[in-house]
Amino acid sequence: METVKIPPKYQIVIPKELRDALKLLPGQKIQMVVYGNKIEMIPLKKHLGDERVSKRN
């Protein structure tokens, strides 16, 4: 489990270990769902034609 701090602009950083484990890419979309007092982040599938998702070398 990772802990992150919410800065004044409310932008959080997904820890590298989690990004690597889920193979997240810059520009990839993530759906956020509230369950009670929890937030679930669900990475959306990458689309080949989506220019916002860059290739990881």
C-alpha atoms as a PDB file:
ATOM      1  CA  MET A   1       0.000   0.000   0.000  1.00  0.00           C
ATOM      2  CA  GLU A   2       1.269   3.450  -0.943  1.00  0.00           C
ATOM      3  CA  THR A   3       0.404   6.758   0.708  1.00  0.00           C
ATOM      4  CA  VAL A   4       0.330  10.070  -1.154  1.00  0.00           C
ATOM      5  CA  LYS A   5      -0.261  13.601   0.118  1.00  0.00           C
ATOM      6  CA  ILE A   6      -2.884  15.868  -1.460  1.00  0.00           C
ATOM      7  CA  PRO A   7      -1.255  19.199  -2.384  1.00  0.00           C
ATOM      8  CA  PRO A   8      -3.138  22.540  -2.576  1.00  0.00           C
ATOM      9  CA  LYS A   9      -4.081  21.989  -6.259  1.00  0.00           C
ATOM     10  CA  TYR A  10      -5.492  18.513  -5.445  1.00  0.00           C
ATOM     11  CA  GLN A  11      -3.242  16.825  -8.022  1.00  0.00           C
ATOM     12  CA  ILE A  12      -1.835  13.531  -6.814  1.00  0.00           C
ATOM     13  CA  VAL A  13       1.066  11.512  -8.196  1.00  0.00           C
ATOM     14  CA  ILE A  14       0.587   7.798  -8.769  1.00  0.00           C
ATOM     15  CA  PRO A  15       3.674   6.172  -7.230  1.00  0.00           C
ATOM     16  CA  LYS A  16       6.145   4.676  -9.735  1.00  0.00           C
ATOM     17  CA  GLU A  17       5.754   1.164  -8.323  1.00  0.00           C
ATOM     18  CA  LEU A  18       2.006   1.281  -9.034  1.00  0.00           C
ATOM     19  CA  ARG A  19       2.462   2.880 -12.486  1.00  0.00           C
ATOM     20  CA  ASP A  20       4.933   0.152 -13.418  1.00  0.00           C
ATOM     21  CA  ALA A  21       2.788  -2.674 -12.010  1.00  0.00           C
ATOM     22  CA  LEU A  22      -0.236  -1.493 -14.034  1.00  0.00           C
ATOM     23  CA  LYS A  23       1.840  -0.435 -17.070  1.00  0.00           C
ATOM     24  CA  LEU A  24       0.257   3.026 -17.034  1.00  0.00           C
ATOM     25  CA  LEU A  25       1.305   5.494 -19.718  1.00  0.00           C
ATOM     26  CA  PRO A  26       1.295   9.315 -19.771  1.00  0.00           C
ATOM     27  CA  GLY A  27      -2.015  10.553 -21.147  1.00  0.00           C
ATOM     28  CA  GLN A  28      -3.830   7.311 -20.381  1.00  0.00           C
ATOM     29  CA  LYS A  29      -7.290   7.833 -18.897  1.00  0.00           C
ATOM     30  CA  ILE A  30      -8.305   6.524 -15.487  1.00  0.00           C
ATOM     31  CA  GLN A  31     -11.911   6.219 -14.326  1.00  0.00           C
ATOM     32  CA  MET A  32     -12.416   7.262 -10.694  1.00  0.00           C
ATOM     33  CA  VAL A  33     -15.305   5.824  -8.670  1.00  0.00           C
ATOM     34  CA  VAL A  34     -16.318   6.607  -5.080  1.00  0.00           C
ATOM     35  CA  TYR A  35     -17.253   3.656  -2.851  1.00  0.00           C
ATOM     36  CA  GLY A  36     -18.268   4.907   0.595  1.00  0.00           C
ATOM     37  CA  ASN A  37     -15.128   6.629   1.892  1.00  0.00           C
ATOM     38  CA  LYS A  38     -12.824   5.071  -0.754  1.00  0.00           C
ATOM     39  CA  ILE A  39     -11.766   6.093  -4.261  1.00  0.00           C
ATOM     40  CA  GLU A  40     -11.183   3.347  -6.813  1.00  0.00           C
ATOM     41  CA  MET A  41      -9.050   4.243  -9.836  1.00  0.00           C
ATOM     42  CA  ILE A  42      -9.640   2.043 -12.884  1.00  0.00           C
ATOM     43  CA  PRO A  43      -7.227   2.401 -15.830  1.00  0.00           C
ATOM     44  CA  LEU A  44      -9.095   2.469 -19.126  1.00  0.00           C
ATOM     45  CA  LYS A  45      -7.794   0.321 -21.958  1.00  0.00           C
ATOM     46  CA  LYS A  46      -5.289   1.911 -24.286  1.00  0.00           C
ATOM     47  CA  HIS A  47      -6.554   2.526 -27.819  1.00  0.00           C
ATOM     48  CA  LEU A  48      -4.088   2.162 -30.697  1.00  0.00           C
ATOM     49  CA  GLY A  49      -5.442   5.259 -32.439  1.00  0.00           C
ATOM     50  CA  ASP A  50      -5.324   7.453 -29.311  1.00  0.00           C
ATOM     51  CA  GLU A  51      -2.543   9.971 -29.889  1.00  0.00           C
ATOM     52  CA  ARG A  52      -2.650  11.091 -26.240  1.00  0.00           C
ATOM     53  CA  VAL A  53      -1.200   7.759 -25.074  1.00  0.00           C
ATOM     54  CA  SER A  54       2.517   7.741 -25.773  1.00  0.00           C
ATOM     55  CA  LYS A  55       4.625   4.624 -26.272  1.00  0.00           C
ATOM     56  CA  ARG A  56       6.910   3.597 -23.443  1.00  0.00           C
ATOM     57  CA  ASN A  57      10.385   2.718 -24.754  1.00  0.00           C
END
